[in-house]
PDB file of N, CA and C in Angstrom:
ATOM      1  N   UNK A   1       1.110  -1.525  -0.113  1.00  0.00           N
ATOM      2  CA  UNK A   1      -0.133   0.119   0.243  1.00  0.00           C
ATOM      3  C   UNK A   1       1.214   1.377  -0.068  1.00  0.00           C
ATOM      4  N   UNK A   2       0.508   2.118  -0.880  1.00  0.00           N
ATOM      5  CA  UNK A   2       1.592   3.368  -0.971  1.00  0.00           C
ATOM      6  C   UNK A   2       0.407   4.445  -0.908  1.00  0.00           C
ATOM      7  N   UNK A   3       0.373   5.157   0.310  1.00  0.00           N
ATOM      8  CA  UNK A   3      -0.317   6.228   0.624  1.00  0.00           C
ATOM      9  C   UNK A   3       0.077   7.840  -0.057  1.00  0.00           C
ATOM     10  N   UNK A   4      -0.054   8.526  -1.042  1.00  0.00           N
ATOM     11  CA  UNK A   4       0.619   9.126  -1.970  1.00  0.00           C
ATOM     12  C   UNK A   4      -0.176  10.594  -1.990  1.00  0.00           C
ATOM     13  N   UNK A   5       0.361  11.631  -1.711  1.00  0.00           N
ATOM     14  CA  UNK A   5      -0.098  13.050  -1.591  1.00  0.00           C
ATOM     15  C   UNK A   5       0.062  13.847  -2.891  1.00  0.00           C
ATOM     16  N   UNK A   6      -0.941  14.315  -3.474  1.00  0.00           N
ATOM     17  CA  UNK A   6      -0.631  14.991  -4.659  1.00  0.00           C
ATOM     18  C   UNK A   6       0.629  16.276  -4.516  1.00  0.00           C
ATOM     19  N   UNK A   7       0.408  16.939  -3.248  1.00  0.00           N
ATOM     20  CA  UNK A   7       1.413  18.224  -3.215  1.00  0.00           C
ATOM     21  C   UNK A   7       2.727  18.184  -2.509  1.00  0.00           C
ATOM     22  N   UNK A   8       3.855  17.214  -3.199  1.00  0.00           N
ATOM     23  CA  UNK A   8       4.976  16.781  -2.738  1.00  0.00           C
ATOM     24  C   UNK A   8       5.939  17.905  -3.175  1.00  0.00           C
ATOM     25  N   UNK A   9       6.543  18.168  -1.822  1.00  0.00           N
ATOM     26  CA  UNK A   9       8.263  19.047  -2.389  1.00  0.00           C
ATOM     27  C   UNK A   9       9.265  18.964  -3.117  1.00  0.00           C
ATOM     28  N   UNK A  10       9.009  19.514  -4.433  1.00  0.00           N
ATOM     29  CA  UNK A  10       9.919  19.524  -5.312  1.00  0.00           C
ATOM     30  C   UNK A  10       9.063  18.247  -6.855  1.00  0.00           C
ATOM     31  N   UNK A  11       8.344  18.097  -6.493  1.00  0.00           N
ATOM     32  CA  UNK A  11       7.902  16.500  -7.413  1.00  0.00           C
ATOM     33  C   UNK A  11       6.241  16.436  -7.040  1.00  0.00           C
ATOM     34  N   UNK A  12       5.700  16.158  -8.637  1.00  0.00           N
ATOM     35  CA  UNK A  12       3.895  16.409  -8.329  1.00  0.00           C
ATOM     36  C   UNK A  12       3.672  15.064  -7.884  1.00  0.00           C
ATOM     37  N   UNK A  13       2.890  14.479  -7.264  1.00  0.00           N
ATOM     38  CA  UNK A  13       2.143  13.195  -6.874  1.00  0.00           C
ATOM     39  C   UNK A  13       1.766  12.565  -8.152  1.00  0.00           C
ATOM     40  N   UNK A  14       1.149  13.396  -9.122  1.00  0.00           N
ATOM     41  CA  UNK A  14       0.488  12.818 -10.342  1.00  0.00           C
ATOM     42  C   UNK A  14       1.651  12.402 -11.222  1.00  0.00           C
ATOM     43  N   UNK A  15       3.074  12.534 -10.999  1.00  0.00           N
ATOM     44  CA  UNK A  15       4.054  12.218 -11.567  1.00  0.00           C
ATOM     45  C   UNK A  15       4.243  10.827 -11.121  1.00  0.00           C
ATOM     46  N   UNK A  16       4.383  10.730 -10.013  1.00  0.00           N
ATOM     47  CA  UNK A  16       4.701   9.270  -8.898  1.00  0.00           C
ATOM     48  C   UNK A  16       3.861   8.638  -9.328  1.00  0.00           C
ATOM     49  N   UNK A  17       2.530   8.992  -9.582  1.00  0.00           N
ATOM     50  CA  UNK A  17       1.494   7.901  -9.034  1.00  0.00           C
ATOM     51  C   UNK A  17       1.759   7.555 -11.345  1.00  0.00           C
ATOM     52  N   UNK A  18       1.815   8.158 -12.100  1.00  0.00           N
ATOM     53  CA  UNK A  18       1.991   7.860 -13.180  1.00  0.00           C
ATOM     54  C   UNK A  18       3.476   6.867 -13.400  1.00  0.00           C
ATOM     55  N   UNK A  19       4.348   7.105 -12.888  1.00  0.00           N
ATOM     56  CA  UNK A  19       5.400   5.960 -12.969  1.00  0.00           C
ATOM     57  C   UNK A  19       5.377   5.224 -12.412  1.00  0.00           C
ATOM     58  N   UNK A  20       4.672   4.904 -11.245  1.00  0.00           N
ATOM     59  CA  UNK A  20       4.651   3.573 -10.369  1.00  0.00           C
ATOM     60  C   UNK A  20       3.699   3.057 -11.149  1.00  0.00           C
ATOM     61  N   UNK A  21       2.866   3.507 -11.850  1.00  0.00           N
ATOM     62  CA  UNK A  21       1.644   2.274 -12.324  1.00  0.00           C
ATOM     63  C   UNK A  21       2.184   2.161 -13.999  1.00  0.00           C
ATOM     64  N   UNK A  22       3.233   2.738 -14.277  1.00  0.00           N
ATOM     65  CA  UNK A  22       3.991   2.345 -15.530  1.00  0.00           C
ATOM     66  C   UNK A  22       5.082   1.295 -15.178  1.00  0.00           C
ATOM     67  N   UNK A  23       5.436   0.927 -14.196  1.00  0.00           N
ATOM     68  CA  UNK A  23       7.035  -0.046 -13.593  1.00  0.00           C
ATOM     69  C   UNK A  23       6.119  -1.285 -13.536  1.00  0.00           C
ATOM     70  N   UNK A  24       6.382  -1.959 -14.537  1.00  0.00           N
ATOM     71  CA  UNK A  24       6.237  -3.524 -13.936  1.00  0.00           C
ATOM     72  C   UNK A  24       5.942  -4.031 -12.703  1.00  0.00           C
ATOM     73  N   UNK A  25       7.160  -4.193 -11.896  1.00  0.00           N
ATOM     74  CA  UNK A  25       7.214  -4.689 -10.862  1.00  0.00           C
ATOM     75  C   UNK A  25       6.520  -3.646  -9.514  1.00  0.00           C
ATOM     76  N   UNK A  26       5.937  -2.081  -9.688  1.00  0.00           N
ATOM     77  CA  UNK A  26       5.101  -1.499  -8.819  1.00  0.00           C
ATOM     78  C   UNK A  26       3.811  -1.691  -8.960  1.00  0.00           C
ATOM     79  N   UNK A  27       3.803  -1.758 -10.087  1.00  0.00           N
ATOM     80  CA  UNK A  27       2.065  -1.573 -10.815  1.00  0.00           C
ATOM     81  C   UNK A  27       1.036  -2.153  -9.657  1.00  0.00           C
ATOM     82  N   UNK A  28       1.252  -3.145  -9.598  1.00  0.00           N
ATOM     83  CA  UNK A  28       0.416  -3.885  -8.637  1.00  0.00           C
ATOM     84  C   UNK A  28      -0.189  -3.384  -6.951  1.00  0.00           C
ATOM     85  N   UNK A  29       0.974  -2.439  -6.783  1.00  0.00           N
ATOM     86  CA  UNK A  29       1.438  -2.200  -5.181  1.00  0.00           C
ATOM     87  C   UNK A  29      -0.305  -1.196  -5.095  1.00  0.00           C
ATOM     88  N   UNK A  30      -1.386  -1.622  -4.242  1.00  0.00           N
ATOM     89  CA  UNK A  30      -2.356   0.040  -4.237  1.00  0.00           C
ATOM     90  C   UNK A  30      -1.813   1.338  -3.816  1.00  0.00           C
ATOM     91  N   UNK A  31      -2.573   2.109  -4.310  1.00  0.00           N
ATOM     92  CA  UNK A  31      -2.037   3.713  -4.184  1.00  0.00           C
ATOM     93  C   UNK A  31      -3.557   4.470  -3.882  1.00  0.00           C
ATOM     94  N   UNK A  32      -3.241   4.684  -2.812  1.00  0.00           N
ATOM     95  CA  UNK A  32      -4.341   5.895  -2.020  1.00  0.00           C
ATOM     96  C   UNK A  32      -4.133   7.244  -1.889  1.00  0.00           C
ATOM     97  N   UNK A  33      -4.391   8.188  -2.889  1.00  0.00           N
ATOM     98  CA  UNK A  33      -4.238   9.484  -2.928  1.00  0.00           C
ATOM     99  C   UNK A  33      -4.905  10.059  -1.536  1.00  0.00           C
ATOM    100  N   UNK A  34      -3.580  10.732  -0.825  1.00  0.00           N
ATOM    101  CA  UNK A  34      -4.373  11.438   0.435  1.00  0.00           C
ATOM    102  C   UNK A  34      -3.744  12.323   0.504  1.00  0.00           C
ATOM    103  N   UNK A  35      -4.314  13.765   0.035  1.00  0.00           N
ATOM    104  CA  UNK A  35      -4.356  14.830  -0.155  1.00  0.00           C
ATOM    105  C   UNK A  35      -4.946  16.369   0.226  1.00  0.00           C
ATOM    106  N   UNK A  36      -5.050  17.278   0.113  1.00  0.00           N
ATOM    107  CA  UNK A  36      -5.637  18.646   0.399  1.00  0.00           C
ATOM    108  C   UNK A  36      -6.769  18.661  -0.986  1.00  0.00           C
ATOM    109  N   UNK A  37      -6.212  18.512  -2.073  1.00  0.00           N
ATOM    110  CA  UNK A  37      -6.782  18.805  -2.786  1.00  0.00           C
ATOM    111  C   UNK A  37      -8.423  18.157  -3.460  1.00  0.00           C
ATOM    112  N   UNK A  38      -9.198  18.499  -3.381  1.00  0.00           N
ATOM    113  CA  UNK A  38     -10.568  17.881  -3.706  1.00  0.00           C
ATOM    114  C   UNK A  38     -11.682  18.405  -5.164  1.00  0.00           C
ATOM    115  N   UNK A  39     -10.763  18.888  -5.873  1.00  0.00           N
ATOM    116  CA  UNK A  39     -10.670  19.177  -7.159  1.00  0.00           C
ATOM    117  C   UNK A  39     -11.242  17.792  -7.971  1.00  0.00           C
ATOM    118  N   UNK A  40     -12.216  18.030  -8.312  1.00  0.00           N
ATOM    119  CA  UNK A  40     -12.822  16.772  -9.478  1.00  0.00           C
ATOM    120  C   UNK A  40     -11.851  16.334 -10.323  1.00  0.00           C
ATOM    121  N   UNK A  41     -11.288  17.500 -10.910  1.00  0.00           N
ATOM    122  CA  UNK A  41     -10.154  16.764 -12.031  1.00  0.00           C
ATOM    123  C   UNK A  41      -8.848  16.216 -11.275  1.00  0.00           C
ATOM    124  N   UNK A  42      -8.683  16.579 -10.460  1.00  0.00           N
ATOM    125  CA  UNK A  42      -7.584  15.689  -9.676  1.00  0.00           C
ATOM    126  C   UNK A  42      -7.960  14.353  -9.167  1.00  0.00           C
ATOM    127  N   UNK A  43      -8.905  14.303  -8.938  1.00  0.00           N
ATOM    128  CA  UNK A  43     -10.047  13.037  -8.813  1.00  0.00           C
ATOM    129  C   UNK A  43     -10.110  12.024  -9.376  1.00  0.00           C
ATOM    130  N   UNK A  44     -10.439  12.379 -10.912  1.00  0.00           N
ATOM    131  CA  UNK A  44     -10.897  11.735 -11.783  1.00  0.00           C
ATOM    132  C   UNK A  44      -9.595  11.612 -12.273  1.00  0.00           C
ATOM    133  N   UNK A  45      -8.056  12.322 -12.531  1.00  0.00           N
ATOM    134  CA  UNK A  45      -7.117  12.471 -13.446  1.00  0.00           C
ATOM    135  C   UNK A  45      -5.904  11.454 -12.606  1.00  0.00           C
ATOM    136  N   UNK A  46      -6.421  11.120 -10.798  1.00  0.00           N
ATOM    137  CA  UNK A  46      -5.869   9.999 -10.352  1.00  0.00           C
ATOM    138  C   UNK A  46      -6.666   8.786 -10.681  1.00  0.00           C
ATOM    139  N   UNK A  47      -8.015   8.552 -10.643  1.00  0.00           N
ATOM    140  CA  UNK A  47      -8.506   7.140 -10.855  1.00  0.00           C
ATOM    141  C   UNK A  47      -8.407   6.720 -12.235  1.00  0.00           C
ATOM    142  N   UNK A  48      -8.199   7.438 -13.120  1.00  0.00           N
ATOM    143  CA  UNK A  48      -7.730   7.095 -14.549  1.00  0.00           C
ATOM    144  C   UNK A  48      -6.398   6.713 -15.065  1.00  0.00           C
ATOM    145  N   UNK A  49      -5.257   7.141 -14.083  1.00  0.00           N
ATOM    146  CA  UNK A  49      -3.988   6.612 -14.058  1.00  0.00           C
ATOM    147  C   UNK A  49      -3.621   5.909 -13.019  1.00  0.00           C
ATOM    148  N   UNK A  50      -5.060   4.781 -12.025  1.00  0.00           N
ATOM    149  CA  UNK A  50      -4.963   3.844 -11.871  1.00  0.00           C
ATOM    150  C   UNK A  50      -4.844   3.920  -9.911  1.00  0.00           C
ATOM    151  N   UNK A  51      -4.895   5.007  -9.520  1.00  0.00           N
ATOM    152  CA  UNK A  51      -5.255   4.984  -7.906  1.00  0.00           C
ATOM    153  C   UNK A  51      -6.532   3.912  -7.539  1.00  0.00           C
ATOM    154  N   UNK A  52      -6.216   3.387  -6.602  1.00  0.00           N
ATOM    155  CA  UNK A  52      -7.449   2.538  -5.529  1.00  0.00           C
ATOM    156  C   UNK A  52      -8.460   3.133  -5.015  1.00  0.00           C
ATOM    157  N   UNK A  53      -7.422   4.554  -4.368  1.00  0.00           N
ATOM    158  CA  UNK A  53      -8.578   5.329  -3.271  1.00  0.00           C
ATOM    159  C   UNK A  53      -8.044   6.886  -3.538  1.00  0.00           C
ATOM    160  N   UNK A  54      -8.873   7.589  -3.067  1.00  0.00           N
ATOM    161  CA  UNK A  54      -8.487   8.829  -3.193  1.00  0.00           C
ATOM    162  C   UNK A  54      -9.412   9.536  -1.939  1.00  0.00           C
ATOM    163  N   UNK A  55      -8.499  10.219  -0.756  1.00  0.00           N
ATOM    164  CA  UNK A  55      -9.037  10.507   0.494  1.00  0.00           C
ATOM    165  C   UNK A  55      -8.516  11.867   0.576  1.00  0.00           C
ATOM    166  N   UNK A  56      -9.477  13.119   0.623  1.00  0.00           N
ATOM    167  CA  UNK A  56      -9.688  14.356   0.976  1.00  0.00           C
ATOM    168  C   UNK A  56      -8.865  14.704   2.196  1.00  0.00           C
ATOM    169  N   UNK A  57      -7.798  15.172   2.435  1.00  0.00           N
ATOM    170  CA  UNK A  57      -7.074  15.829   3.935  1.00  0.00           C
ATOM    171  C   UNK A  57      -8.462  16.671   4.963  1.00  0.00           C
ATOM    172  N   UNK A  58      -8.889  16.312   5.554  1.00  0.00           N
ATOM    173  CA  UNK A  58      -9.658  17.259   6.395  1.00  0.00           C
ATOM    174  C   UNK A  58      -8.969  18.408   7.528  1.00  0.00           C
ATOM    175  N   UNK A  59      -9.033  19.537   7.380  1.00  0.00           N
ATOM    176  CA  UNK A  59      -8.276  20.488   7.693  1.00  0.00           C
ATOM    177  C   UNK A  59      -8.588  20.553   9.221  1.00  0.00           C
ATOM    178  N   UNK A  60      -9.600  19.820  10.005  1.00  0.00           N
ATOM    179  CA  UNK A  60     -10.011  19.756  11.581  1.00  0.00           C
ATOM    180  C   UNK A  60      -9.792  18.433  11.987  1.00  0.00           C
ATOM    181  N   UNK A  61      -8.553  18.315  13.242  1.00  0.00           N
ATOM    182  CA  UNK A  61      -8.081  17.686  13.975  1.00  0.00           C
ATOM    183  C   UNK A  61      -8.795  15.986  14.015  1.00  0.00           C
ATOM    184  N   UNK A  62      -9.997  16.625  14.493  1.00  0.00           N
ATOM    185  CA  UNK A  62     -10.887  15.171  14.642  1.00  0.00           C
ATOM    186  C   UNK A  62     -11.690  14.348  13.261  1.00  0.00           C
ATOM    187  N   UNK A  63     -11.609  15.126  12.664  1.00  0.00           N
ATOM    188  CA  UNK A  63     -11.910  15.141  11.434  1.00  0.00           C
ATOM    189  C   UNK A  63     -10.715  13.901  10.693  1.00  0.00           C
ATOM    190  N   UNK A  64      -9.841  14.741  10.591  1.00  0.00           N
ATOM    191  CA  UNK A  64      -8.585  14.237  10.152  1.00  0.00           C
ATOM    192  C   UNK A  64      -8.325  12.647  10.950  1.00  0.00           C
ATOM    193  N   UNK A  65      -8.410  12.588  12.548  1.00  0.00           N
ATOM    194  CA  UNK A  65      -8.356  11.477  12.887  1.00  0.00           C
ATOM    195  C   UNK A  65      -9.433  10.338  12.475  1.00  0.00           C
ATOM    196  N   UNK A  66     -10.764  10.601  12.350  1.00  0.00           N
ATOM    197  CA  UNK A  66     -11.860  10.023  12.119  1.00  0.00           C
ATOM    198  C   UNK A  66     -11.725   9.728  10.425  1.00  0.00           C
ATOM    199  N   UNK A  67     -11.242  10.225   9.426  1.00  0.00           N
ATOM    200  CA  UNK A  67     -10.380   9.914   8.441  1.00  0.00           C
ATOM    201  C   UNK A  67      -9.560   8.217   8.319  1.00  0.00           C
ATOM    202  N   UNK A  68      -8.742   9.053   9.101  1.00  0.00           N
ATOM    203  CA  UNK A  68      -7.468   8.072   9.484  1.00  0.00           C
ATOM    204  C   UNK A  68      -7.789   6.476   9.745  1.00  0.00           C
ATOM    205  N   UNK A  69      -8.731   6.221  10.687  1.00  0.00           N
ATOM    206  CA  UNK A  69      -9.284   5.338  11.399  1.00  0.00           C
ATOM    207  C   UNK A  69     -10.245   4.590  10.433  1.00  0.00           C
ATOM    208  N   UNK A  70     -10.927   5.063   9.366  1.00  0.00           N
ATOM    209  CA  UNK A  70     -11.803   4.762   8.511  1.00  0.00           C
ATOM    210  C   UNK A  70     -10.727   4.068   7.411  1.00  0.00           C
ATOM    211  N   UNK A  71      -9.494   4.679   7.175  1.00  0.00           N
ATOM    212  CA  UNK A  71      -8.408   4.540   6.372  1.00  0.00           C
ATOM    213  C   UNK A  71      -7.962   3.113   6.801  1.00  0.00           C
ATOM    214  N   UNK A  72      -8.139   2.968   7.745  1.00  0.00           N
ATOM    215  CA  UNK A  72      -6.805   1.771   8.016  1.00  0.00           C
ATOM    216  C   UNK A  72      -8.276   0.267   8.313  1.00  0.00           C
ATOM    217  N   UNK A  73      -9.000   1.135   9.046  1.00  0.00           N
ATOM    218  CA  UNK A  73     -10.445  -0.243   8.906  1.00  0.00           C
ATOM    219  C   UNK A  73     -10.375  -0.865   7.962  1.00  0.00           C
ATOM    220  N   UNK A  74     -10.725   0.397   6.781  1.00  0.00           N
ATOM    221  CA  UNK A  74     -10.919  -0.399   5.361  1.00  0.00           C
ATOM    222  C   UNK A  74      -9.914  -1.384   4.486  1.00  0.00           C
ATOM    223  N   UNK A  75      -8.857  -0.368   4.215  1.00  0.00           N
ATOM    224  CA  UNK A  75      -7.530  -1.202   3.773  1.00  0.00           C
ATOM    225  C   UNK A  75      -6.738  -1.825   4.592  1.00  0.00           C
ATOM    226  N   UNK A  76      -6.219  -1.566   5.818  1.00  0.00           N
ATOM    227  CA  UNK A  76      -5.608  -2.282   6.288  1.00  0.00           C
ATOM    228  C   UNK A  76      -6.237  -3.985   7.301  1.00  0.00           C
ATOM    229  N   UNK A  77      -7.409  -3.517   7.549  1.00  0.00           N
ATOM    230  CA  UNK A  77      -8.039  -4.836   8.292  1.00  0.00           C
ATOM    231  C   UNK A  77      -9.763  -5.203   7.483  1.00  0.00           C
ATOM    232  N   UNK A  78      -9.961  -4.640   6.814  1.00  0.00           N
ATOM    233  CA  UNK A  78     -11.592  -5.054   5.762  1.00  0.00           C
ATOM    234  C   UNK A  78     -10.885  -5.405   4.629  1.00  0.00           C
ATOM    235  N   UNK A  79     -10.130  -5.103   3.885  1.00  0.00           N
ATOM    236  CA  UNK A  79      -9.961  -5.088   2.678  1.00  0.00           C
ATOM    237  C   UNK A  79      -9.072  -6.630   2.171  1.00  0.00           C
ATOM    238  N   UNK A  80      -9.439  -7.076   1.212  1.00  0.00           N
ATOM    239  CA  UNK A  80      -8.484  -8.571   1.025  1.00  0.00           C
ATOM    240  C   UNK A  80      -7.580  -7.782  -0.392  1.00  0.00           C
ATOM    241  N   UNK A  81      -6.315  -7.525  -0.217  1.00  0.00           N
ATOM    242  CA  UNK A  81      -5.766  -7.508  -1.705  1.00  0.00           C
ATOM    243  C   UNK A  81      -5.311  -8.693  -2.498  1.00  0.00           C
ATOM    244  N   UNK A  82      -5.064  -8.428  -3.657  1.00  0.00           N
ATOM    245  CA  UNK A  82      -5.168  -8.877  -4.260  1.00  0.00           C
ATOM    246  C   UNK A  82      -3.883 -10.177  -3.972  1.00  0.00           C
TER     247      UNK A  82
END
């Protein structure tokens, strides 16, 4: 599992997503985008490029904690990976 931010310092997370999904040895690793962008274009782009999930980082600490808990419960506990 890769948790990827789109707004990385010095490099665009969209480029990282594309590179990973084009690499034969890495493309099967699930990628969940975890970013501040709620732009529908970013969401659509990431899914088109192979992202397995997209989470928008909430600004409030309590909501962030709920989002992370839901992520862990689904992706790391309930989900059955390939």
